[in-house]
Amino acid sequence: MTDSTASRRRGDDLERAIFEAALEELAEVGYANLRMEAVAARAKAGKASLYKRWPDRAHLIRAAARYKATNVDTAFEPSGDVRADMKRVMLRIAENQAGPSGEAMRGWVGELRATSDEEEAEKIREAIEQPRIRVFAKILETGIANGTVRPEALHPRIVNLAPNLMTQAFLMKGRPASEAIIDEMLDMIVLPLVSSD
């Protein structure tokens, strides 16, 4: 497909097609083998249309993962049961880690090690952390409103504790945390720290 053909899809439609193609390609070949040309072919888009938006695969995959995370974040609404809500999100994180998002995370860790540009490294970290922080903050805010969570639990380090535990387990073991491990994380670490009791 030529760039002129690809340009029939513009703006959000083209970006969505590219993001979906990038995540599908990532799931099939892994981060190390992902090529911009292959993503362009899968998206039926011109290679130039990718490079116009993202200078390399790290930027593309970060944007694609943010797109995916934003979709999940928008759909999430806390039930009011802090433990059940946290567990639901942590199981979702584990599910994502088993697919393209896990491949992206492994790739990002490599990019963080390789880059000497601290500003760029911080952008990568934020792309990983911010969508999760919003979801867990929403859960904790609901708990504070119903009196089951201490107001101090909204400290950024505490808000990001559960997802950080998930990331650590994933990177150390090479696979997502099991449901039993998620239960341990919640009952032994996270809930004793945030509970108002």
N, C-alpha and C. Protein backbone atom coordinates (compact mmCIF):
# COMPACT_ATOMS: atom_id res chain seq x y z
N MET A 1 0.84 -1.19 0.00
CA MET A 1 0.00 0.00 0.00
C MET A 1 0.87 1.24 0.00
N THR A 2 0.55 2.20 -0.78
CA THR A 2 1.34 3.43 -0.85
C THR A 2 0.86 4.41 0.19
N ASP A 3 1.69 5.43 0.43
CA ASP A 3 1.30 6.46 1.39
C ASP A 3 0.05 7.19 0.96
N SER A 4 -0.13 7.38 -0.38
CA SER A 4 -1.33 8.07 -0.84
C SER A 4 -2.58 7.26 -0.56
N THR A 5 -2.46 5.92 -0.67
CA THR A 5 -3.61 5.06 -0.34
C THR A 5 -3.89 5.11 1.16
N ALA A 6 -2.81 5.03 1.95
CA ALA A 6 -2.97 5.03 3.41
C ALA A 6 -3.58 6.34 3.89
N SER A 7 -3.31 7.43 3.17
CA SER A 7 -3.76 8.73 3.65
C SER A 7 -5.28 8.88 3.58
N ARG A 8 -5.98 7.93 2.94
CA ARG A 8 -7.45 7.98 2.95
C ARG A 8 -7.98 7.86 4.37
N ARG A 9 -7.26 7.09 5.18
CA ARG A 9 -7.57 7.06 6.61
C ARG A 9 -6.69 8.11 7.27
N ARG A 10 -7.28 9.00 7.98
CA ARG A 10 -6.50 10.09 8.57
C ARG A 10 -6.74 10.14 10.08
N GLY A 11 -5.88 10.89 10.73
CA GLY A 11 -6.07 11.21 12.13
C GLY A 11 -6.26 10.00 13.01
N ASP A 12 -7.33 10.04 13.81
CA ASP A 12 -7.58 9.01 14.82
C ASP A 12 -7.77 7.62 14.21
N ASP A 13 -8.45 7.54 13.07
CA ASP A 13 -8.68 6.24 12.43
C ASP A 13 -7.37 5.57 12.05
N LEU A 14 -6.48 6.34 11.44
CA LEU A 14 -5.19 5.79 11.04
C LEU A 14 -4.36 5.42 12.26
N GLU A 15 -4.35 6.28 13.27
CA GLU A 15 -3.57 5.99 14.48
C GLU A 15 -4.08 4.72 15.16
N ARG A 16 -5.40 4.58 15.27
CA ARG A 16 -5.97 3.37 15.89
C ARG A 16 -5.54 2.12 15.15
N ALA A 17 -5.59 2.18 13.81
CA ALA A 17 -5.19 1.02 12.99
C ALA A 17 -3.71 0.69 13.22
N ILE A 18 -2.88 1.72 13.32
CA ILE A 18 -1.45 1.50 13.54
C ILE A 18 -1.20 0.94 14.94
N PHE A 19 -1.89 1.48 15.94
CA PHE A 19 -1.71 0.98 17.31
C PHE A 19 -2.11 -0.49 17.41
N GLU A 20 -3.26 -0.83 16.84
CA GLU A 20 -3.72 -2.22 16.90
C GLU A 20 -2.72 -3.14 16.17
N ALA A 21 -2.24 -2.68 15.02
CA ALA A 21 -1.26 -3.47 14.27
C ALA A 21 0.04 -3.64 15.06
N ALA A 22 0.47 -2.57 15.72
CA ALA A 22 1.71 -2.63 16.51
C ALA A 22 1.57 -3.63 17.66
N LEU A 23 0.44 -3.62 18.34
CA LEU A 23 0.23 -4.54 19.46
C LEU A 23 0.11 -5.99 18.98
N GLU A 24 -0.54 -6.19 17.84
CA GLU A 24 -0.64 -7.54 17.27
C GLU A 24 0.73 -8.06 16.86
N GLU A 25 1.51 -7.20 16.22
CA GLU A 25 2.86 -7.58 15.78
C GLU A 25 3.73 -7.89 17.00
N LEU A 26 3.60 -7.08 18.02
CA LEU A 26 4.36 -7.27 19.26
C LEU A 26 4.03 -8.63 19.88
N ALA A 27 2.75 -8.99 19.89
CA ALA A 27 2.33 -10.27 20.46
C ALA A 27 2.92 -11.44 19.68
N GLU A 28 3.05 -11.27 18.36
CA GLU A 28 3.54 -12.37 17.52
C GLU A 28 5.05 -12.52 17.52
N VAL A 29 5.76 -11.40 17.45
CA VAL A 29 7.21 -11.50 17.24
C VAL A 29 8.05 -11.05 18.43
N GLY A 30 7.42 -10.38 19.41
CA GLY A 30 8.18 -9.87 20.56
C GLY A 30 8.82 -8.53 20.24
N TYR A 31 9.20 -7.83 21.29
CA TYR A 31 9.73 -6.47 21.14
C TYR A 31 11.04 -6.47 20.36
N ALA A 32 11.93 -7.42 20.66
CA ALA A 32 13.26 -7.44 20.02
C ALA A 32 13.17 -7.58 18.51
N ASN A 33 12.15 -8.28 18.01
CA ASN A 33 12.02 -8.53 16.57
C ASN A 33 11.02 -7.61 15.87
N LEU A 34 10.43 -6.69 16.61
CA LEU A 34 9.43 -5.81 16.01
C LEU A 34 10.09 -4.80 15.07
N ARG A 35 9.53 -4.68 13.87
CA ARG A 35 10.05 -3.74 12.87
C ARG A 35 8.92 -2.81 12.43
N MET A 36 9.28 -1.56 12.25
CA MET A 36 8.30 -0.55 11.83
C MET A 36 7.67 -0.94 10.49
N GLU A 37 8.47 -1.51 9.58
CA GLU A 37 7.97 -1.90 8.26
C GLU A 37 6.86 -2.94 8.38
N ALA A 38 7.04 -3.89 9.31
CA ALA A 38 6.04 -4.95 9.50
C ALA A 38 4.75 -4.38 10.08
N VAL A 39 4.89 -3.42 10.99
CA VAL A 39 3.70 -2.78 11.56
C VAL A 39 2.95 -2.03 10.46
N ALA A 40 3.68 -1.30 9.63
CA ALA A 40 3.05 -0.55 8.54
C ALA A 40 2.30 -1.49 7.60
N ALA A 41 2.91 -2.62 7.26
CA ALA A 41 2.25 -3.59 6.37
C ALA A 41 0.99 -4.15 7.01
N ARG A 42 1.06 -4.48 8.30
CA ARG A 42 -0.09 -5.04 9.00
C ARG A 42 -1.22 -4.02 9.09
N ALA A 43 -0.86 -2.76 9.27
CA ALA A 43 -1.87 -1.69 9.39
C ALA A 43 -2.37 -1.22 8.03
N LYS A 44 -1.77 -1.77 6.95
CA LYS A 44 -2.09 -1.32 5.59
C LYS A 44 -1.89 0.19 5.48
N ALA A 45 -0.74 0.62 6.01
CA ALA A 45 -0.38 2.04 6.00
C ALA A 45 1.01 2.18 5.39
N GLY A 46 1.31 3.36 4.94
CA GLY A 46 2.64 3.62 4.41
C GLY A 46 3.65 3.75 5.54
N LYS A 47 4.85 3.26 5.31
CA LYS A 47 5.91 3.33 6.31
C LYS A 47 6.18 4.78 6.72
N ALA A 48 6.11 5.70 5.75
CA ALA A 48 6.37 7.12 6.05
C ALA A 48 5.35 7.68 7.04
N SER A 49 4.11 7.16 7.00
CA SER A 49 3.09 7.66 7.92
C SER A 49 3.41 7.28 9.36
N LEU A 50 4.14 6.17 9.56
CA LEU A 50 4.58 5.80 10.91
C LEU A 50 5.72 6.70 11.36
N TYR A 51 6.73 6.83 10.49
CA TYR A 51 7.90 7.62 10.87
C TYR A 51 7.60 9.11 11.03
N LYS A 52 6.52 9.56 10.38
CA LYS A 52 6.11 10.96 10.55
C LYS A 52 5.64 11.21 11.99
N ARG A 53 5.05 10.17 12.61
CA ARG A 53 4.49 10.31 13.95
C ARG A 53 5.45 9.85 15.05
N TRP A 54 6.19 8.78 14.79
CA TRP A 54 7.07 8.18 15.80
C TRP A 54 8.43 7.89 15.19
N PRO A 55 9.50 8.37 15.81
CA PRO A 55 10.83 8.21 15.21
C PRO A 55 11.37 6.78 15.25
N ASP A 56 10.83 5.96 16.16
CA ASP A 56 11.35 4.59 16.27
C ASP A 56 10.31 3.71 16.97
N ARG A 57 10.62 2.43 17.10
CA ARG A 57 9.66 1.47 17.67
C ARG A 57 9.37 1.75 19.14
N ALA A 58 10.36 2.26 19.89
CA ALA A 58 10.13 2.55 21.31
C ALA A 58 9.01 3.57 21.47
N HIS A 59 9.06 4.64 20.66
CA HIS A 59 8.02 5.68 20.74
C HIS A 59 6.67 5.14 20.27
N LEU A 60 6.68 4.34 19.21
CA LEU A 60 5.42 3.77 18.70
C LEU A 60 4.78 2.85 19.73
N ILE A 61 5.56 1.94 20.29
CA ILE A 61 5.00 0.97 21.23
C ILE A 61 4.53 1.67 22.51
N ARG A 62 5.27 2.68 22.94
CA ARG A 62 4.83 3.43 24.12
C ARG A 62 3.48 4.08 23.85
N ALA A 63 3.33 4.68 22.67
CA ALA A 63 2.05 5.33 22.31
C ALA A 63 0.93 4.30 22.19
N ALA A 64 1.24 3.14 21.60
CA ALA A 64 0.22 2.09 21.44
C ALA A 64 -0.22 1.56 22.80
N ALA A 65 0.72 1.37 23.70
CA ALA A 65 0.37 0.87 25.04
C ALA A 65 -0.43 1.92 25.81
N ARG A 66 -0.09 3.19 25.63
CA ARG A 66 -0.86 4.25 26.30
C ARG A 66 -2.29 4.27 25.76
N TYR A 67 -2.44 4.10 24.45
CA TYR A 67 -3.77 4.03 23.83
C TYR A 67 -4.58 2.89 24.44
N LYS A 68 -3.95 1.72 24.57
CA LYS A 68 -4.63 0.55 25.13
C LYS A 68 -4.98 0.79 26.59
N ALA A 69 -4.03 1.33 27.35
CA ALA A 69 -4.26 1.58 28.78
C ALA A 69 -5.37 2.60 29.00
N THR A 70 -5.43 3.61 28.15
CA THR A 70 -6.47 4.63 28.27
C THR A 70 -7.85 4.03 28.05
N ASN A 71 -7.94 3.11 27.11
CA ASN A 71 -9.23 2.44 26.87
C ASN A 71 -9.68 1.68 28.10
N VAL A 72 -8.76 0.96 28.73
CA VAL A 72 -9.09 0.19 29.94
C VAL A 72 -9.46 1.12 31.07
N ASP A 73 -8.67 2.18 31.26
CA ASP A 73 -8.88 3.13 32.35
C ASP A 73 -10.25 3.78 32.26
N THR A 74 -10.65 4.18 31.05
CA THR A 74 -11.93 4.86 30.86
C THR A 74 -13.10 3.95 31.25
N ALA A 75 -12.96 2.66 31.02
CA ALA A 75 -14.06 1.72 31.27
C ALA A 75 -14.18 1.34 32.75
N PHE A 76 -13.15 1.59 33.57
CA PHE A 76 -13.14 1.11 34.94
C PHE A 76 -13.93 2.01 35.87
N GLU A 77 -14.81 1.39 36.66
CA GLU A 77 -15.53 2.12 37.71
C GLU A 77 -15.46 1.30 38.99
N PRO A 78 -14.97 1.90 40.09
CA PRO A 78 -14.89 1.16 41.36
C PRO A 78 -16.27 0.76 41.86
N SER A 79 -16.32 -0.41 42.51
CA SER A 79 -17.57 -0.91 43.08
C SER A 79 -17.78 -0.41 44.50
N GLY A 80 -16.68 0.03 45.15
CA GLY A 80 -16.73 0.42 46.55
C GLY A 80 -16.06 -0.60 47.45
N ASP A 81 -15.88 -1.82 46.96
CA ASP A 81 -15.15 -2.86 47.70
C ASP A 81 -13.69 -2.76 47.28
N VAL A 82 -12.87 -2.12 48.13
CA VAL A 82 -11.49 -1.79 47.75
C VAL A 82 -10.69 -3.04 47.40
N ARG A 83 -10.79 -4.08 48.22
CA ARG A 83 -10.01 -5.29 47.95
C ARG A 83 -10.44 -5.93 46.62
N ALA A 84 -11.74 -6.07 46.43
CA ALA A 84 -12.24 -6.69 45.20
C ALA A 84 -11.84 -5.87 43.97
N ASP A 85 -11.93 -4.54 44.08
CA ASP A 85 -11.56 -3.68 42.96
C ASP A 85 -10.07 -3.78 42.65
N MET A 86 -9.24 -3.75 43.70
CA MET A 86 -7.79 -3.88 43.48
C MET A 86 -7.46 -5.23 42.86
N LYS A 87 -8.08 -6.27 43.37
CA LYS A 87 -7.80 -7.59 42.82
C LYS A 87 -8.22 -7.66 41.36
N ARG A 88 -9.36 -7.09 41.04
CA ARG A 88 -9.83 -7.11 39.65
C ARG A 88 -8.82 -6.42 38.72
N VAL A 89 -8.29 -5.28 39.16
CA VAL A 89 -7.33 -4.55 38.34
C VAL A 89 -6.00 -5.30 38.28
N MET A 90 -5.58 -5.88 39.39
CA MET A 90 -4.31 -6.63 39.40
C MET A 90 -4.40 -7.87 38.51
N LEU A 91 -5.54 -8.53 38.50
CA LEU A 91 -5.73 -9.66 37.58
C LEU A 91 -5.67 -9.19 36.14
N ARG A 92 -6.21 -8.00 35.89
CA ARG A 92 -6.16 -7.42 34.54
C ARG A 92 -4.72 -7.09 34.16
N ILE A 93 -3.95 -6.57 35.10
CA ILE A 93 -2.53 -6.29 34.84
C ILE A 93 -1.81 -7.59 34.49
N ALA A 94 -2.09 -8.65 35.26
CA ALA A 94 -1.46 -9.96 34.98
C ALA A 94 -1.84 -10.45 33.59
N GLU A 95 -3.10 -10.28 33.23
CA GLU A 95 -3.56 -10.68 31.89
C GLU A 95 -2.82 -9.89 30.80
N ASN A 96 -2.66 -8.58 31.03
CA ASN A 96 -1.94 -7.74 30.07
C ASN A 96 -0.47 -8.14 29.98
N GLN A 97 0.12 -8.47 31.13
CA GLN A 97 1.53 -8.86 31.14
C GLN A 97 1.76 -10.15 30.36
N ALA A 98 0.74 -10.97 30.26
CA ALA A 98 0.87 -12.23 29.52
C ALA A 98 0.79 -12.01 28.01
N GLY A 99 0.43 -10.80 27.58
CA GLY A 99 0.28 -10.52 26.15
C GLY A 99 1.22 -9.44 25.66
N PRO A 100 0.80 -8.66 24.67
CA PRO A 100 1.66 -7.62 24.09
C PRO A 100 2.18 -6.60 25.09
N SER A 101 1.37 -6.26 26.10
CA SER A 101 1.84 -5.27 27.08
C SER A 101 3.05 -5.78 27.85
N GLY A 102 3.07 -7.08 28.12
CA GLY A 102 4.23 -7.67 28.79
C GLY A 102 5.46 -7.58 27.91
N GLU A 103 5.29 -7.85 26.63
CA GLU A 103 6.41 -7.70 25.69
C GLU A 103 6.88 -6.25 25.65
N ALA A 104 5.93 -5.32 25.65
CA ALA A 104 6.29 -3.91 25.64
C ALA A 104 7.08 -3.54 26.88
N MET A 105 6.64 -4.05 28.03
CA MET A 105 7.32 -3.74 29.28
C MET A 105 8.76 -4.25 29.25
N ARG A 106 8.94 -5.48 28.78
CA ARG A 106 10.30 -6.02 28.69
C ARG A 106 11.15 -5.16 27.75
N GLY A 107 10.54 -4.72 26.66
CA GLY A 107 11.26 -3.85 25.73
C GLY A 107 11.61 -2.52 26.35
N TRP A 108 10.65 -1.94 27.11
CA TRP A 108 10.91 -0.66 27.75
C TRP A 108 12.06 -0.75 28.75
N VAL A 109 12.10 -1.87 29.50
CA VAL A 109 13.19 -2.04 30.47
C VAL A 109 14.52 -2.01 29.74
N GLY A 110 14.58 -2.68 28.59
CA GLY A 110 15.80 -2.64 27.78
C GLY A 110 16.11 -1.23 27.29
N GLU A 111 15.07 -0.50 26.87
CA GLU A 111 15.27 0.87 26.40
C GLU A 111 15.76 1.76 27.54
N LEU A 112 15.22 1.56 28.74
CA LEU A 112 15.65 2.36 29.89
C LEU A 112 17.12 2.12 30.19
N ARG A 113 17.56 0.88 30.08
CA ARG A 113 18.97 0.57 30.33
C ARG A 113 19.86 1.18 29.26
N ALA A 114 19.35 1.21 28.02
CA ALA A 114 20.18 1.63 26.88
C ALA A 114 20.28 3.15 26.76
N THR A 115 19.27 3.87 27.22
CA THR A 115 19.27 5.32 27.01
C THR A 115 20.07 6.06 28.08
N SER A 116 20.80 7.07 27.64
CA SER A 116 21.49 7.93 28.60
C SER A 116 20.71 9.23 28.77
N ASP A 117 19.58 9.33 28.05
CA ASP A 117 18.75 10.52 28.10
C ASP A 117 17.74 10.35 29.24
N GLU A 118 18.01 11.00 30.37
CA GLU A 118 17.15 10.86 31.55
C GLU A 118 15.73 11.35 31.29
N GLU A 119 15.59 12.40 30.50
CA GLU A 119 14.26 12.93 30.20
C GLU A 119 13.44 11.90 29.43
N GLU A 120 14.08 11.24 28.45
CA GLU A 120 13.39 10.21 27.68
C GLU A 120 13.06 9.00 28.56
N ALA A 121 13.98 8.61 29.43
CA ALA A 121 13.74 7.50 30.34
C ALA A 121 12.55 7.80 31.25
N GLU A 122 12.46 9.04 31.71
CA GLU A 122 11.34 9.43 32.58
C GLU A 122 10.01 9.37 31.82
N LYS A 123 10.01 9.74 30.55
CA LYS A 123 8.79 9.65 29.73
C LYS A 123 8.34 8.19 29.61
N ILE A 124 9.30 7.30 29.42
CA ILE A 124 8.96 5.88 29.32
C ILE A 124 8.36 5.39 30.63
N ARG A 125 8.98 5.76 31.76
CA ARG A 125 8.44 5.36 33.06
C ARG A 125 7.02 5.88 33.25
N GLU A 126 6.81 7.14 32.90
CA GLU A 126 5.47 7.73 33.05
C GLU A 126 4.44 7.02 32.18
N ALA A 127 4.83 6.64 30.99
CA ALA A 127 3.92 5.92 30.10
C ALA A 127 3.49 4.60 30.71
N ILE A 128 4.38 3.96 31.45
CA ILE A 128 4.06 2.70 32.12
C ILE A 128 3.19 2.95 33.35
N GLU A 129 3.54 3.97 34.13
CA GLU A 129 2.93 4.14 35.45
C GLU A 129 1.63 4.92 35.48
N GLN A 130 1.50 5.99 34.68
CA GLN A 130 0.38 6.91 34.85
C GLN A 130 -1.01 6.27 34.69
N PRO A 131 -1.25 5.44 33.66
CA PRO A 131 -2.59 4.85 33.57
C PRO A 131 -2.95 4.01 34.78
N ARG A 132 -1.97 3.25 35.31
CA ARG A 132 -2.24 2.42 36.49
C ARG A 132 -2.50 3.28 37.72
N ILE A 133 -1.71 4.34 37.87
CA ILE A 133 -1.88 5.21 39.03
C ILE A 133 -3.29 5.80 39.06
N ARG A 134 -3.80 6.21 37.89
CA ARG A 134 -5.15 6.78 37.85
C ARG A 134 -6.20 5.78 38.32
N VAL A 135 -6.06 4.52 37.91
CA VAL A 135 -7.03 3.51 38.30
C VAL A 135 -6.96 3.24 39.80
N PHE A 136 -5.76 3.04 40.33
CA PHE A 136 -5.64 2.75 41.76
C PHE A 136 -6.00 3.95 42.62
N ALA A 137 -5.72 5.16 42.15
CA ALA A 137 -6.13 6.35 42.88
C ALA A 137 -7.66 6.42 42.95
N LYS A 138 -8.31 6.08 41.86
CA LYS A 138 -9.78 6.09 41.84
C LYS A 138 -10.35 5.10 42.86
N ILE A 139 -9.73 3.92 42.95
CA ILE A 139 -10.17 2.91 43.93
C ILE A 139 -9.98 3.43 45.35
N LEU A 140 -8.81 4.00 45.62
CA LEU A 140 -8.51 4.49 46.97
C LEU A 140 -9.39 5.69 47.34
N GLU A 141 -9.65 6.57 46.38
CA GLU A 141 -10.55 7.71 46.64
C GLU A 141 -11.94 7.23 47.02
N THR A 142 -12.42 6.19 46.36
CA THR A 142 -13.73 5.61 46.70
C THR A 142 -13.69 5.05 48.11
N GLY A 143 -12.59 4.36 48.47
CA GLY A 143 -12.44 3.82 49.82
C GLY A 143 -12.37 4.90 50.88
N ILE A 144 -11.70 6.00 50.57
CA ILE A 144 -11.64 7.14 51.51
C ILE A 144 -13.04 7.71 51.71
N ALA A 145 -13.78 7.84 50.61
CA ALA A 145 -15.14 8.39 50.69
C ALA A 145 -16.06 7.52 51.54
N ASN A 146 -15.87 6.18 51.50
CA ASN A 146 -16.76 5.32 52.31
C ASN A 146 -16.14 4.94 53.66
N GLY A 147 -14.96 5.52 53.98
CA GLY A 147 -14.39 5.36 55.31
C GLY A 147 -13.55 4.11 55.53
N THR A 148 -13.27 3.35 54.48
CA THR A 148 -12.49 2.11 54.66
C THR A 148 -10.99 2.30 54.39
N VAL A 149 -10.62 3.47 53.84
CA VAL A 149 -9.22 3.73 53.49
C VAL A 149 -8.77 5.04 54.15
N ARG A 150 -7.52 5.03 54.66
CA ARG A 150 -6.94 6.24 55.27
C ARG A 150 -6.66 7.27 54.18
N PRO A 151 -6.90 8.56 54.44
CA PRO A 151 -6.61 9.60 53.45
C PRO A 151 -5.14 9.62 53.01
N GLU A 152 -4.23 9.23 53.92
CA GLU A 152 -2.80 9.23 53.60
C GLU A 152 -2.45 8.22 52.50
N ALA A 153 -3.38 7.32 52.21
CA ALA A 153 -3.13 6.30 51.19
C ALA A 153 -3.02 6.88 49.79
N LEU A 154 -3.39 8.15 49.61
CA LEU A 154 -3.29 8.77 48.29
C LEU A 154 -1.88 9.27 47.97
N HIS A 155 -0.92 9.00 48.84
CA HIS A 155 0.47 9.35 48.51
C HIS A 155 0.87 8.57 47.26
N PRO A 156 1.53 9.22 46.29
CA PRO A 156 1.85 8.54 45.02
C PRO A 156 2.58 7.20 45.18
N ARG A 157 3.47 7.07 46.15
CA ARG A 157 4.18 5.80 46.33
C ARG A 157 3.24 4.69 46.79
N ILE A 158 2.26 5.06 47.59
CA ILE A 158 1.29 4.06 48.06
C ILE A 158 0.32 3.71 46.94
N VAL A 159 -0.13 4.72 46.22
CA VAL A 159 -1.06 4.48 45.10
C VAL A 159 -0.44 3.52 44.10
N ASN A 160 0.86 3.64 43.86
CA ASN A 160 1.53 2.84 42.85
C ASN A 160 2.10 1.53 43.41
N LEU A 161 1.87 1.25 44.70
CA LEU A 161 2.47 0.07 45.32
C LEU A 161 2.00 -1.24 44.68
N ALA A 162 0.70 -1.44 44.56
CA ALA A 162 0.19 -2.71 44.02
C ALA A 162 0.67 -2.95 42.59
N PRO A 163 0.55 -1.97 41.69
CA PRO A 163 1.07 -2.23 40.34
C PRO A 163 2.59 -2.43 40.31
N ASN A 164 3.32 -1.74 41.20
CA ASN A 164 4.77 -1.95 41.25
C ASN A 164 5.10 -3.36 41.71
N LEU A 165 4.34 -3.88 42.66
CA LEU A 165 4.55 -5.26 43.09
C LEU A 165 4.30 -6.23 41.93
N MET A 166 3.27 -5.94 41.13
CA MET A 166 2.98 -6.77 39.97
C MET A 166 4.13 -6.72 38.95
N THR A 167 4.65 -5.52 38.72
CA THR A 167 5.75 -5.36 37.77
C THR A 167 7.00 -6.09 38.26
N GLN A 168 7.30 -5.94 39.55
CA GLN A 168 8.48 -6.60 40.10
C GLN A 168 8.37 -8.11 39.96
N ALA A 169 7.21 -8.66 40.32
CA ALA A 169 7.01 -10.10 40.21
C ALA A 169 7.17 -10.56 38.76
N PHE A 170 6.61 -9.79 37.84
CA PHE A 170 6.67 -10.14 36.42
C PHE A 170 8.10 -10.12 35.89
N LEU A 171 8.84 -9.05 36.23
CA LEU A 171 10.21 -8.94 35.72
C LEU A 171 11.16 -9.93 36.37
N MET A 172 10.93 -10.24 37.65
CA MET A 172 11.82 -11.17 38.35
C MET A 172 11.56 -12.62 37.93
N LYS A 173 10.30 -12.97 37.74
CA LYS A 173 9.94 -14.36 37.43
C LYS A 173 9.78 -14.63 35.93
N GLY A 174 9.60 -13.56 35.15
CA GLY A 174 9.41 -13.74 33.72
C GLY A 174 8.01 -14.17 33.35
N ARG A 175 7.09 -14.11 34.31
CA ARG A 175 5.68 -14.43 34.04
C ARG A 175 4.82 -13.63 35.03
N PRO A 176 3.55 -13.42 34.69
CA PRO A 176 2.68 -12.64 35.58
C PRO A 176 2.46 -13.35 36.92
N ALA A 177 2.14 -12.56 37.94
CA ALA A 177 1.80 -13.11 39.25
C ALA A 177 0.53 -13.93 39.15
N SER A 178 0.49 -15.04 39.86
CA SER A 178 -0.71 -15.88 39.91
C SER A 178 -1.75 -15.23 40.82
N GLU A 179 -2.96 -15.75 40.77
CA GLU A 179 -4.02 -15.22 41.64
C GLU A 179 -3.65 -15.37 43.11
N ALA A 180 -3.02 -16.49 43.47
CA ALA A 180 -2.62 -16.72 44.87
C ALA A 180 -1.59 -15.67 45.32
N ILE A 181 -0.66 -15.34 44.44
CA ILE A 181 0.35 -14.32 44.79
C ILE A 181 -0.30 -12.95 44.89
N ILE A 182 -1.25 -12.66 44.02
CA ILE A 182 -1.98 -11.39 44.10
C ILE A 182 -2.71 -11.29 45.43
N ASP A 183 -3.34 -12.38 45.87
CA ASP A 183 -4.01 -12.39 47.18
C ASP A 183 -3.02 -12.08 48.30
N GLU A 184 -1.82 -12.68 48.24
CA GLU A 184 -0.80 -12.41 49.25
C GLU A 184 -0.37 -10.95 49.24
N MET A 185 -0.15 -10.40 48.04
CA MET A 185 0.24 -8.99 47.93
C MET A 185 -0.80 -8.08 48.59
N LEU A 186 -2.06 -8.38 48.31
CA LEU A 186 -3.14 -7.56 48.88
C LEU A 186 -3.25 -7.70 50.38
N ASP A 187 -3.29 -8.95 50.86
CA ASP A 187 -3.59 -9.20 52.27
C ASP A 187 -2.41 -8.98 53.21
N MET A 188 -1.19 -9.14 52.69
CA MET A 188 -0.02 -9.02 53.56
C MET A 188 0.69 -7.67 53.43
N ILE A 189 0.48 -6.98 52.30
CA ILE A 189 1.24 -5.74 52.08
C ILE A 189 0.33 -4.52 51.87
N VAL A 190 -0.53 -4.59 50.85
CA VAL A 190 -1.25 -3.39 50.42
C VAL A 190 -2.37 -3.00 51.39
N LEU A 191 -3.26 -3.93 51.68
CA LEU A 191 -4.42 -3.57 52.52
C LEU A 191 -4.04 -3.17 53.94
N PRO A 192 -3.08 -3.84 54.60
CA PRO A 192 -2.69 -3.36 55.93
C PRO A 192 -2.15 -1.93 55.91
N LEU A 193 -1.56 -1.52 54.79
CA LEU A 193 -0.99 -0.19 54.68
C LEU A 193 -2.06 0.88 54.44
N VAL A 194 -3.12 0.56 53.70
CA VAL A 194 -4.11 1.58 53.33
C VAL A 194 -5.37 1.57 54.19
N SER A 195 -5.62 0.47 54.88
CA SER A 195 -6.87 0.32 55.62
C SER A 195 -7.00 1.32 56.77
N SER A 196 -8.19 1.82 56.96
CA SER A 196 -8.45 2.77 58.05
C SER A 196 -8.69 2.07 59.38
N ASP A 197 -8.82 0.73 59.38
CA ASP A 197 -9.07 -0.02 60.62
C ASP A 197 -7.83 -0.10 61.48
